[in-house]
């Protein structure tokens, strides 16, 4: 059996092939999981588009109050609000269809999570193709999508001419032989389609709805001016240059007021660890004092500038830890050991370095001497270890936690998602795992596999490709080359090598909205 060229039918027909060959067996879990991955990526893309639209609506409100732009804004802001209203109404209607379909497939709540028969081949046909109260929901959905497109075009003649022809909302019946002469638009999409696949199709239409809304409101905004980032939160701050001073040393205090946009909060990391942002835009970091003497914490702040560009500022926060007399045990990097790394340990003994005896207790832990007073601790398991030190006069035992190296950030072209020019995205080579601002230098992760999912402009239905390695190869390379403005690309299921051996899956999905 040959597969048709239309992307959606390729995915659906794969399931039909399995069903035909194995008769009574269910749809394979691999295919169901693929649809769930696509559905999640589409929902991530929808959230990104919605945040982008929210920024534009805020900018439109500001332009209404600015005497320089108020006249034009009074014309175009209401038009954008109309598009927003149409989009919200249809998006919520499709969301209600998804819930009805889950109920039709035996929806139950178990431990607060939804469970339903994801491979049900009859529920979708019953809901969308059989009349209920005189309404066939497949036909109704098609008519509403048609009306949505018509309503957007009716907002303004210029929108109808410049925007509507390029909308990603394509309502043509896929030209596949499997449906010729058998039915209409609803039949093409929902006849004998597994529940999870139908939900994914509905999420795809929600993605088209939000993308169409975005193109209309962007056009309205451009008729007035470019997007402005509205800084609507403020926070006073004060910090000193040191927390430990000797008589006669200089004290420097820095104070001021910072402003930020609640719609674009900064990202703050300290020594490579991302710190949660509070409601006032600031982050609070707590740690235990480490090595005696002057210590440094490296702070990295990423934020949006008013022109929409991402700015990165790196600062060093210095403080001093006092040195006690006698035996001193200090981790050289931080007050933790990391699994798979050579963790330096410094020990100073009152009786002389040659008399110091060091042992490390814990599963998978070992220690070796690297020089006078210098040791290397290696750990192969997470948890904690006990460092025992005796210099002939004193003894100490210190419990030190063993953590894994923080997850790297998956990036493409230096970006971890968001807006990107289609021409820039098409020339990217692949995915990089970037471990930023980690206290140890030279620690690297290598990407070993990931999934690429493309939807929106240029893709009638979601298409995906599995990749082994870090580079866009094979099917992924083909998808990337076809990307264009209006395409959404999601990269997920990213696996990387771990320091010391093994692999891990990153809890990160990156989505690009191409322009």
Protein backbone atom coordinates (compact mmCIF):
# COMPACT_ATOMS: atom_id res chain seq x y z
CA UNK A 1 0.00 0.00 0.00
CA UNK A 2 1.44 3.34 -0.99
CA UNK A 3 1.10 6.39 1.25
CA UNK A 4 -0.35 9.65 -0.14
CA UNK A 5 1.79 12.76 -0.15
CA UNK A 6 -0.52 14.85 2.06
CA UNK A 7 1.16 15.07 5.53
CA UNK A 8 -1.82 14.53 7.79
CA UNK A 9 -2.99 11.49 5.83
CA UNK A 10 0.49 10.02 6.13
CA UNK A 11 0.18 10.04 9.91
CA UNK A 12 -3.45 8.88 9.98
CA UNK A 13 -2.89 6.16 7.35
CA UNK A 14 -0.02 4.75 9.37
CA UNK A 15 -2.60 3.96 12.00
CA UNK A 16 -4.95 2.51 9.38
CA UNK A 17 -2.17 0.22 8.11
CA UNK A 18 -1.57 -1.10 11.63
CA UNK A 19 -5.28 -1.59 12.18
CA UNK A 20 -5.74 -3.40 8.87
CA UNK A 21 -2.79 -5.70 9.44
CA UNK A 22 -3.51 -6.60 13.05
CA UNK A 23 -7.33 -6.43 12.88
CA UNK A 24 -8.55 -6.47 16.47
CA UNK A 25 -5.44 -4.95 18.04
CA UNK A 26 -5.51 -1.38 19.34
CA UNK A 27 -3.63 1.55 17.80
CA UNK A 28 0.02 1.28 18.84
CA UNK A 29 1.13 3.25 21.89
CA UNK A 30 3.99 4.78 19.87
CA UNK A 31 1.57 6.45 17.45
CA UNK A 32 -0.69 7.62 20.30
CA UNK A 33 2.34 9.10 22.07
CA UNK A 34 3.38 10.85 18.86
CA UNK A 35 -0.03 12.54 18.65
CA UNK A 36 0.16 13.53 22.32
CA UNK A 37 3.59 15.09 21.71
CA UNK A 38 2.27 17.03 18.71
CA UNK A 39 -0.77 18.17 20.69
CA UNK A 40 1.43 19.45 23.54
CA UNK A 41 3.72 21.29 21.12
CA UNK A 42 0.73 22.98 19.49
CA UNK A 43 -0.59 24.07 22.88
CA UNK A 44 2.86 25.50 23.72
CA UNK A 45 2.81 27.41 20.44
CA UNK A 46 -0.69 28.70 21.21
CA UNK A 47 0.51 30.03 24.57
CA UNK A 48 3.45 31.84 22.95
CA UNK A 49 1.20 33.42 20.31
CA UNK A 50 -1.29 34.48 22.98
CA UNK A 51 1.46 36.19 25.03
CA UNK A 52 2.63 37.99 21.91
CA UNK A 53 -0.92 39.15 21.15
CA UNK A 54 -1.34 40.35 24.74
CA UNK A 55 1.75 42.56 24.38
CA UNK A 56 0.30 44.09 21.22
CA UNK A 57 -3.07 44.78 22.89
CA UNK A 58 -1.27 46.52 25.77
CA UNK A 59 0.69 48.61 23.30
CA UNK A 60 -2.53 49.55 21.51
CA UNK A 61 -4.02 50.79 24.78
CA UNK A 62 -0.96 52.93 25.42
CA UNK A 63 -1.17 54.39 21.93
CA UNK A 64 -4.79 55.35 22.58
CA UNK A 65 -3.63 57.53 25.48
CA UNK A 66 -0.66 59.03 23.62
CA UNK A 67 -1.63 62.31 21.88
CA UNK A 68 0.83 61.52 19.07
CA UNK A 69 -0.87 58.26 18.13
CA UNK A 70 -4.36 58.60 19.64
CA UNK A 71 -6.05 59.56 16.37
CA UNK A 72 -4.84 56.52 14.42
CA UNK A 73 -5.17 54.24 17.42
CA UNK A 74 -8.83 55.23 17.77
CA UNK A 75 -9.36 53.80 14.26
CA UNK A 76 -7.31 50.61 14.44
CA UNK A 77 -7.50 49.53 18.10
CA UNK A 78 -11.24 48.75 17.89
CA UNK A 79 -10.58 46.70 14.74
CA UNK A 80 -7.97 44.67 16.63
CA UNK A 81 -10.45 44.22 19.50
CA UNK A 82 -12.98 42.82 17.02
CA UNK A 83 -10.45 40.25 15.81
CA UNK A 84 -9.68 39.38 19.43
CA UNK A 85 -13.37 38.82 20.18
CA UNK A 86 -13.90 36.62 17.13
CA UNK A 87 -10.81 34.56 17.96
CA UNK A 88 -11.67 34.04 21.64
CA UNK A 89 -15.23 32.92 20.82
CA UNK A 90 -14.12 30.35 18.23
CA UNK A 91 -11.11 29.17 20.27
CA UNK A 92 -13.38 28.49 23.26
CA UNK A 93 -15.92 26.70 21.03
CA UNK A 94 -13.21 24.34 19.74
CA UNK A 95 -12.05 23.81 23.34
CA UNK A 96 -15.60 22.74 24.24
CA UNK A 97 -15.56 20.24 21.35
CA UNK A 98 -12.36 18.71 22.73
CA UNK A 99 -14.05 18.25 26.12
CA UNK A 100 -17.16 16.71 24.51
CA UNK A 101 -14.96 14.27 22.60
CA UNK A 102 -13.18 13.21 25.80
CA UNK A 103 -16.55 12.64 27.48
CA UNK A 104 -17.67 10.61 24.44
CA UNK A 105 -14.50 8.52 24.92
CA UNK A 106 -15.24 7.73 28.58
CA UNK A 107 -13.63 10.67 30.39
CA UNK A 108 -12.86 10.02 34.07
CA UNK A 109 -10.84 11.89 36.68
CA UNK A 110 -8.25 9.78 38.50
CA UNK A 111 -5.98 11.42 41.08
CA UNK A 112 -6.88 14.78 39.58
CA UNK A 113 -5.84 13.73 36.04
CA UNK A 114 -8.05 13.14 33.01
CA UNK A 115 -8.25 9.62 31.65
CA UNK A 116 -10.15 8.54 28.53
CA UNK A 117 -9.90 5.97 25.74
CA UNK A 118 -7.32 7.65 23.52
CA UNK A 119 -7.50 5.00 20.76
CA UNK A 120 -11.31 5.01 20.45
CA UNK A 121 -12.07 4.91 16.69
CA UNK A 122 -15.84 5.33 17.01
CA UNK A 123 -16.25 8.24 19.44
CA UNK A 124 -15.00 10.85 16.95
CA UNK A 125 -17.34 9.62 14.20
CA UNK A 126 -20.31 9.62 16.58
CA UNK A 127 -19.66 13.15 17.82
CA UNK A 128 -18.73 14.87 14.57
CA UNK A 129 -20.60 12.98 11.85
CA UNK A 130 -23.93 11.94 13.41
CA UNK A 131 -26.72 14.54 13.71
CA UNK A 132 -27.63 15.62 17.24
CA UNK A 133 -30.51 18.02 17.84
CA UNK A 134 -30.44 18.75 14.12
CA UNK A 135 -26.73 19.72 14.16
CA UNK A 136 -23.79 17.79 12.70
CA UNK A 137 -20.82 19.06 14.68
CA UNK A 138 -18.31 18.43 11.88
CA UNK A 139 -20.35 20.61 9.53
CA UNK A 140 -20.92 23.18 12.28
CA UNK A 141 -17.19 23.46 12.98
CA UNK A 142 -16.46 23.93 9.27
CA UNK A 143 -19.10 26.68 8.98
CA UNK A 144 -17.77 28.48 12.07
CA UNK A 145 -14.21 28.39 10.74
CA UNK A 146 -15.45 29.74 7.41
CA UNK A 147 -17.39 32.48 9.18
CA UNK A 148 -14.37 33.37 11.33
CA UNK A 149 -12.27 33.91 8.22
CA UNK A 150 -15.07 35.99 6.67
CA UNK A 151 -15.51 38.04 9.84
CA UNK A 152 -11.80 38.90 9.94
CA UNK A 153 -11.93 40.03 6.33
CA UNK A 154 -15.02 42.16 7.02
CA UNK A 155 -13.22 44.16 9.72
CA UNK A 156 -11.55 46.39 7.12
CA UNK A 157 -11.08 46.27 3.31
CA UNK A 158 -7.32 46.64 3.73
CA UNK A 159 -7.24 43.60 6.02
CA UNK A 160 -9.28 41.62 3.49
CA UNK A 161 -6.78 42.50 0.78
CA UNK A 162 -3.45 42.36 2.61
CA UNK A 163 -3.93 39.79 5.38
CA UNK A 164 -6.72 37.32 4.63
CA UNK A 165 -5.08 35.71 1.52
CA UNK A 166 -2.07 34.75 3.67
CA UNK A 167 -3.89 33.37 6.71
CA UNK A 168 -2.75 29.88 7.83
CA UNK A 169 -6.40 28.77 8.21
CA UNK A 170 -6.80 26.37 5.26
CA UNK A 171 -10.27 24.80 4.99
CA UNK A 172 -9.74 22.77 1.83
CA UNK A 173 -10.42 19.03 2.01
CA UNK A 174 -7.10 17.15 1.90
CA UNK A 175 -6.82 15.76 -1.68
CA UNK A 176 -6.36 12.10 -0.71
CA UNK A 177 -7.79 9.09 -2.48
CA UNK A 178 -9.00 7.58 0.79
CA UNK A 179 -11.91 10.04 1.05
CA UNK A 180 -12.81 10.75 -2.56
CA UNK A 181 -16.55 10.34 -3.03
CA UNK A 182 -17.06 9.23 0.57
CA UNK A 183 -18.02 12.42 2.35
CA UNK A 184 -17.44 16.05 3.11
CA UNK A 185 -14.94 18.11 5.11
CA UNK A 186 -16.00 16.64 8.44
CA UNK A 187 -15.71 13.08 7.06
CA UNK A 188 -12.19 13.82 5.81
CA UNK A 189 -10.96 14.85 9.24
CA UNK A 190 -13.03 12.85 11.72
CA UNK A 191 -14.19 9.54 10.18
CA UNK A 192 -12.71 6.64 12.19
CA UNK A 193 -10.04 8.93 13.63
CA UNK A 194 -8.65 7.93 17.07
CA UNK A 195 -9.73 10.27 19.85
CA UNK A 196 -6.21 11.58 20.60
CA UNK A 197 -5.61 12.25 16.89
CA UNK A 198 -8.90 14.17 16.63
CA UNK A 199 -7.99 16.22 19.71
CA UNK A 200 -4.66 17.04 18.05
CA UNK A 201 -6.51 18.14 14.89
CA UNK A 202 -8.73 20.42 16.99
CA UNK A 203 -5.69 21.90 18.72
CA UNK A 204 -4.20 22.51 15.26
CA UNK A 205 -7.31 24.53 14.33
CA UNK A 206 -6.94 26.49 17.59
CA UNK A 207 -3.38 27.22 16.52
CA UNK A 208 -4.66 28.46 13.15
CA UNK A 209 -7.22 30.64 14.94
CA UNK A 210 -4.59 32.31 17.15
CA UNK A 211 -2.13 32.70 14.26
CA UNK A 212 -4.84 34.34 12.15
CA UNK A 213 -5.74 36.67 15.03
CA UNK A 214 -2.05 37.55 15.42
CA UNK A 215 -1.66 38.50 11.75
CA UNK A 216 -4.72 40.76 11.87
CA UNK A 217 -3.80 42.56 15.11
CA UNK A 218 -0.18 42.96 13.95
CA UNK A 219 -1.47 44.61 10.79
CA UNK A 220 -3.69 46.95 12.84
CA UNK A 221 -0.77 47.84 15.08
CA UNK A 222 1.60 48.50 12.19
CA UNK A 223 -0.89 51.00 10.82
CA UNK A 224 -0.16 52.98 14.00
CA UNK A 225 3.44 52.11 14.87
CA UNK A 226 5.71 49.38 16.24
CA UNK A 227 5.14 47.41 19.46
CA UNK A 228 6.17 49.13 22.65
CA UNK A 229 7.05 47.17 25.77
CA UNK A 230 4.99 48.69 28.57
CA UNK A 231 6.94 48.92 31.84
CA UNK A 232 4.23 48.78 34.50
CA UNK A 233 6.02 47.54 37.64
CA UNK A 234 8.71 49.26 39.74
CA UNK A 235 10.99 48.10 42.55
CA UNK A 236 13.41 50.00 44.77
CA UNK A 237 16.73 48.28 45.54
CA UNK A 238 19.86 48.81 47.63
CA UNK A 239 22.98 46.64 47.93
CA UNK A 240 26.45 46.95 49.43
CA UNK A 241 29.75 45.91 47.90
CA UNK A 242 30.66 43.68 50.84
CA UNK A 243 29.18 42.04 53.90
CA UNK A 244 32.50 41.86 55.74
CA UNK A 245 34.81 44.84 56.20
CA UNK A 246 37.93 45.65 58.16
CA UNK A 247 38.58 49.05 59.72
CA UNK A 248 39.51 51.60 57.05
CA UNK A 249 38.06 49.60 54.13
CA UNK A 250 35.67 51.31 51.72
CA UNK A 251 31.93 50.58 51.80
CA UNK A 252 30.00 51.11 48.55
CA UNK A 253 26.19 51.15 48.51
CA UNK A 254 24.27 51.04 45.22
CA UNK A 255 20.60 52.05 45.29
CA UNK A 256 17.92 52.96 42.78
CA UNK A 257 14.57 52.10 41.24
CA UNK A 258 14.14 49.40 38.61
CA UNK A 259 11.26 49.14 36.15
CA UNK A 260 10.06 46.06 34.29
CA UNK A 261 7.15 44.76 32.27
CA UNK A 262 4.92 42.24 34.02
CA UNK A 263 4.33 40.69 30.59
CA UNK A 264 8.06 40.14 30.05
CA UNK A 265 9.66 39.39 33.42
CA UNK A 266 13.44 38.94 33.54
CA UNK A 267 15.22 35.61 33.84
CA UNK A 268 17.78 35.56 36.66
CA UNK A 269 20.37 32.85 37.31
CA UNK A 270 23.00 32.74 40.06
CA UNK A 271 25.99 30.45 39.55
CA UNK A 272 24.02 28.71 36.81
CA UNK A 273 20.90 28.07 38.89
CA UNK A 274 17.71 29.81 37.75
CA UNK A 275 16.08 31.72 40.64
CA UNK A 276 12.26 32.23 40.72
CA UNK A 277 11.05 35.78 40.07
CA UNK A 278 8.81 37.47 42.66
CA UNK A 279 5.77 39.61 41.92
CA UNK A 280 7.94 42.74 42.06
CA UNK A 281 10.34 41.40 39.43
CA UNK A 282 13.16 40.60 41.88
CA UNK A 283 14.74 37.27 42.82
CA UNK A 284 15.90 36.15 46.27
CA UNK A 285 18.81 33.73 46.50
CA UNK A 286 19.94 31.98 49.69
CA UNK A 287 23.04 29.84 50.21
CA UNK A 288 25.43 28.71 52.92
CA UNK A 289 28.81 30.46 53.25
CA UNK A 290 31.51 28.37 51.60
CA UNK A 291 35.27 28.78 51.31
CA UNK A 292 36.98 31.12 53.78
CA UNK A 293 38.16 34.43 52.29
CA UNK A 294 36.64 36.45 49.47
CA UNK A 295 33.85 34.68 47.60
CA UNK A 296 32.06 35.56 44.38
CA UNK A 297 28.54 34.78 43.15
CA UNK A 298 27.95 35.31 39.45
CA UNK A 299 24.56 36.78 38.56
CA UNK A 300 23.16 36.70 35.03
CA UNK A 301 20.03 38.72 34.18
CA UNK A 302 18.18 38.42 30.86
CA UNK A 303 15.38 40.88 30.04
CA UNK A 304 13.51 42.55 27.18
CA UNK A 305 14.49 46.06 26.16
CA UNK A 306 11.80 48.55 25.07
CA UNK A 307 12.62 47.85 21.40
CA UNK A 308 11.85 44.15 21.91
CA UNK A 309 15.48 42.97 21.87
CA UNK A 310 16.79 40.62 24.55
CA UNK A 311 19.54 42.10 26.72
CA UNK A 312 21.85 40.15 29.03
CA UNK A 313 23.68 41.71 32.00
CA UNK A 314 26.23 39.80 34.06
CA UNK A 315 27.28 40.93 37.55
CA UNK A 316 29.56 39.65 40.28
CA UNK A 317 28.45 39.80 43.91
CA UNK A 318 31.43 39.60 46.27
CA UNK A 319 31.43 38.74 49.98
CA UNK A 320 33.95 37.57 52.55
CA UNK A 321 33.83 34.46 54.73
CA UNK A 322 35.90 34.58 57.90
CA UNK A 323 38.56 31.92 58.58
CA UNK A 324 38.34 30.00 61.88
CA UNK A 325 41.48 28.89 63.64
CA UNK A 326 42.58 25.26 63.50
CA UNK A 327 41.29 22.66 61.02
CA UNK A 328 39.46 24.08 58.00
CA UNK A 329 37.63 21.95 55.39
CA UNK A 330 36.34 23.79 52.33
CA UNK A 331 34.86 22.83 48.97
CA UNK A 332 36.64 25.02 46.47
CA UNK A 333 33.71 25.61 44.11
CA UNK A 334 30.49 25.44 46.11
CA UNK A 335 29.01 23.79 49.21
CA UNK A 336 27.89 20.77 47.19
CA UNK A 337 29.51 17.99 45.20
CA UNK A 338 28.32 17.22 41.67
CA UNK A 339 27.81 13.72 40.33
CA UNK A 340 30.22 12.84 37.53
CA UNK A 341 32.62 15.78 38.11
CA UNK A 342 36.01 16.16 39.78
CA UNK A 343 35.02 18.17 42.86
CA UNK A 344 37.97 20.08 44.41
CA UNK A 345 38.35 20.05 48.20
CA UNK A 346 40.80 22.20 50.23
CA UNK A 347 41.89 21.25 53.73
CA UNK A 348 44.12 23.24 56.07
CA UNK A 349 45.29 21.49 59.26
CA UNK A 350 46.90 23.04 62.32
CA UNK A 351 49.35 20.14 62.50
CA UNK A 352 50.52 20.47 58.89
CA UNK A 353 49.16 19.21 55.58
CA UNK A 354 51.31 16.05 55.72
CA UNK A 355 49.46 14.87 58.84
CA UNK A 356 45.97 15.31 57.42
CA UNK A 357 43.98 12.14 56.82
CA UNK A 358 40.88 12.41 54.61
CA UNK A 359 38.13 9.86 53.98
CA UNK A 360 34.83 10.20 52.15
CA UNK A 361 31.91 7.95 53.08
CA UNK A 362 28.93 7.44 50.80
CA UNK A 363 27.71 5.22 47.97
CA UNK A 364 29.88 5.67 44.91
CA UNK A 365 32.13 8.31 46.52
CA UNK A 366 35.93 8.45 46.33
CA UNK A 367 38.74 10.86 47.14
CA UNK A 368 42.30 11.32 45.87
CA UNK A 369 45.03 13.77 46.77
CA UNK A 370 45.87 16.37 44.14
CA UNK A 371 48.57 18.33 46.03
CA UNK A 372 49.38 19.82 49.44
CA UNK A 373 46.02 20.48 51.09
CA UNK A 374 44.19 19.80 47.79
CA UNK A 375 41.91 16.84 47.10
CA UNK A 376 39.53 15.67 44.39
CA UNK A 377 36.23 14.05 45.36
CA UNK A 378 34.30 12.00 42.80
CA UNK A 379 30.68 10.88 43.21
CA UNK A 380 28.70 8.48 41.05
CA UNK A 381 25.40 8.57 42.95
CA UNK A 382 23.07 11.33 44.13
CA UNK A 383 22.35 11.85 47.82
CA UNK A 384 25.01 12.96 50.30
CA UNK A 385 28.50 12.02 51.46
CA UNK A 386 30.38 12.52 54.72
CA UNK A 387 33.87 14.00 54.57
CA UNK A 388 35.92 12.95 57.62
CA UNK A 389 39.19 14.82 58.31
CA UNK A 390 41.79 14.34 61.06
CA UNK A 391 45.09 16.24 61.37
CA UNK A 392 46.35 14.54 64.52
CA UNK A 393 44.99 17.30 66.75
CA UNK A 394 41.45 17.85 65.61
CA UNK A 395 38.83 15.98 63.63
CA UNK A 396 35.84 17.14 61.61
CA UNK A 397 32.94 15.48 59.85
CA UNK A 398 30.98 17.40 57.24
CA UNK A 399 27.91 16.19 55.40
CA UNK A 400 27.87 17.47 51.83
CA UNK A 401 24.95 16.92 49.42
CA UNK A 402 25.62 15.34 46.03
CA UNK A 403 23.61 16.86 43.23
CA UNK A 404 23.51 16.31 39.53
CA UNK A 405 24.85 18.98 37.19
CA UNK A 406 21.97 21.37 36.34
CA UNK A 407 20.15 20.87 33.07
CA UNK A 408 21.62 22.75 30.12
CA UNK A 409 19.44 25.02 28.03
CA UNK A 410 18.55 23.69 24.57
CA UNK A 411 19.04 26.44 21.99
CA UNK A 412 18.86 26.89 18.23
CA UNK A 413 20.75 29.81 16.75
CA UNK A 414 21.50 31.13 20.24
CA UNK A 415 17.80 31.28 21.18
CA UNK A 416 15.67 29.09 23.46
CA UNK A 417 12.43 29.84 21.61
CA UNK A 418 10.20 32.78 20.72
CA UNK A 419 10.10 34.85 17.57
CA UNK A 420 12.73 34.29 14.85
CA UNK A 421 13.03 35.29 11.21
CA UNK A 422 12.24 32.34 8.94
CA UNK A 423 15.35 33.05 6.84
CA UNK A 424 17.49 32.86 9.97
CA UNK A 425 15.87 29.64 11.20
CA UNK A 426 16.32 27.85 7.86
CA UNK A 427 20.13 28.19 8.01
CA UNK A 428 20.47 26.72 11.50
CA UNK A 429 22.41 23.44 11.72
CA UNK A 430 20.76 21.85 14.75
CA UNK A 431 20.24 21.92 18.52
CA UNK A 432 22.91 22.80 21.09
CA UNK A 433 22.83 22.04 24.83
CA UNK A 434 24.27 25.14 26.49
CA UNK A 435 25.20 24.96 30.19
CA UNK A 436 25.26 28.64 31.12
CA UNK A 437 26.90 30.25 34.16
CA UNK A 438 27.78 26.98 35.86
CA UNK A 439 30.39 27.27 38.60
CA UNK A 440 32.57 24.59 36.93
CA UNK A 441 34.10 25.52 33.60
CA UNK A 442 34.39 23.18 30.64
CA UNK A 443 31.39 20.96 31.50
CA UNK A 444 29.63 20.04 28.29
CA UNK A 445 26.46 18.24 27.31
CA UNK A 446 25.94 16.70 23.89
CA UNK A 447 22.51 16.40 22.28
CA UNK A 448 21.80 12.78 21.31
CA UNK A 449 18.20 12.95 20.05
CA UNK A 450 15.10 15.15 19.73
CA UNK A 451 11.81 15.57 17.85
CA UNK A 452 11.01 18.44 15.45
CA UNK A 453 7.36 19.39 14.88
CA UNK A 454 6.28 21.94 12.26
CA UNK A 455 2.81 23.45 11.88
CA UNK A 456 1.16 26.61 10.63
CA UNK A 457 2.04 28.31 7.33
CA UNK A 458 3.42 25.87 4.76
CA UNK A 459 2.11 22.81 6.61
CA UNK A 460 -1.51 21.79 6.06
CA UNK A 461 -1.25 19.48 9.05
CA UNK A 462 1.42 19.05 11.76
CA UNK A 463 4.50 17.20 10.54
CA UNK A 464 7.22 15.78 12.75
CA UNK A 465 10.58 14.07 12.44
CA UNK A 466 12.70 12.17 14.94
CA UNK A 467 16.39 13.08 14.98
CA UNK A 468 19.37 11.12 16.27
CA UNK A 469 22.28 13.40 17.13
CA UNK A 470 22.35 17.19 17.35
CA UNK A 471 22.07 18.20 13.67
CA UNK A 472 18.98 18.75 11.54
CA UNK A 473 19.28 15.73 9.25
CA UNK A 474 16.96 13.61 7.14
CA UNK A 475 13.29 14.42 7.63
CA UNK A 476 14.07 17.22 10.09
CA UNK A 477 16.28 18.96 7.55
CA UNK A 478 13.46 18.75 5.00
CA UNK A 479 10.99 20.32 7.47
CA UNK A 480 13.39 23.15 8.31
CA UNK A 481 13.94 23.99 4.64
CA UNK A 482 10.16 24.32 4.11
CA UNK A 483 9.67 26.75 7.01
CA UNK A 484 8.38 30.23 6.19
CA UNK A 485 6.84 33.23 7.95
CA UNK A 486 3.81 32.00 9.88
CA UNK A 487 5.30 28.55 10.59
CA UNK A 488 5.52 27.33 14.20
CA UNK A 489 8.36 24.94 14.99
CA UNK A 490 8.55 23.00 18.27
CA UNK A 491 11.53 20.94 19.40
CA UNK A 492 10.95 18.50 22.27
CA UNK A 493 11.87 15.11 23.71
CA UNK A 494 15.46 16.43 23.89
CA UNK A 495 17.98 13.94 25.28
CA UNK A 496 21.58 14.77 26.17
CA UNK A 497 24.63 12.98 27.54
CA UNK A 498 25.41 13.46 31.24
CA UNK A 499 28.82 14.27 32.71
CA UNK A 500 30.30 11.01 33.94
CA UNK A 501 28.19 8.90 31.57
CA UNK A 502 24.55 8.19 30.89
CA UNK A 503 21.83 10.31 29.30
CA UNK A 504 18.97 12.47 30.55
CA UNK A 505 15.86 13.92 29.00
CA UNK A 506 15.55 17.68 29.34
CA UNK A 507 12.37 19.01 30.90
CA UNK A 508 12.25 21.63 28.17
CA UNK A 509 10.30 22.16 24.97
CA UNK A 510 11.29 25.11 22.75
CA UNK A 511 8.92 26.68 20.25
CA UNK A 512 9.76 29.19 17.53
CA UNK A 513 7.22 31.45 15.85
CA UNK A 514 8.76 32.29 12.48
CA UNK A 515 8.28 35.71 10.94
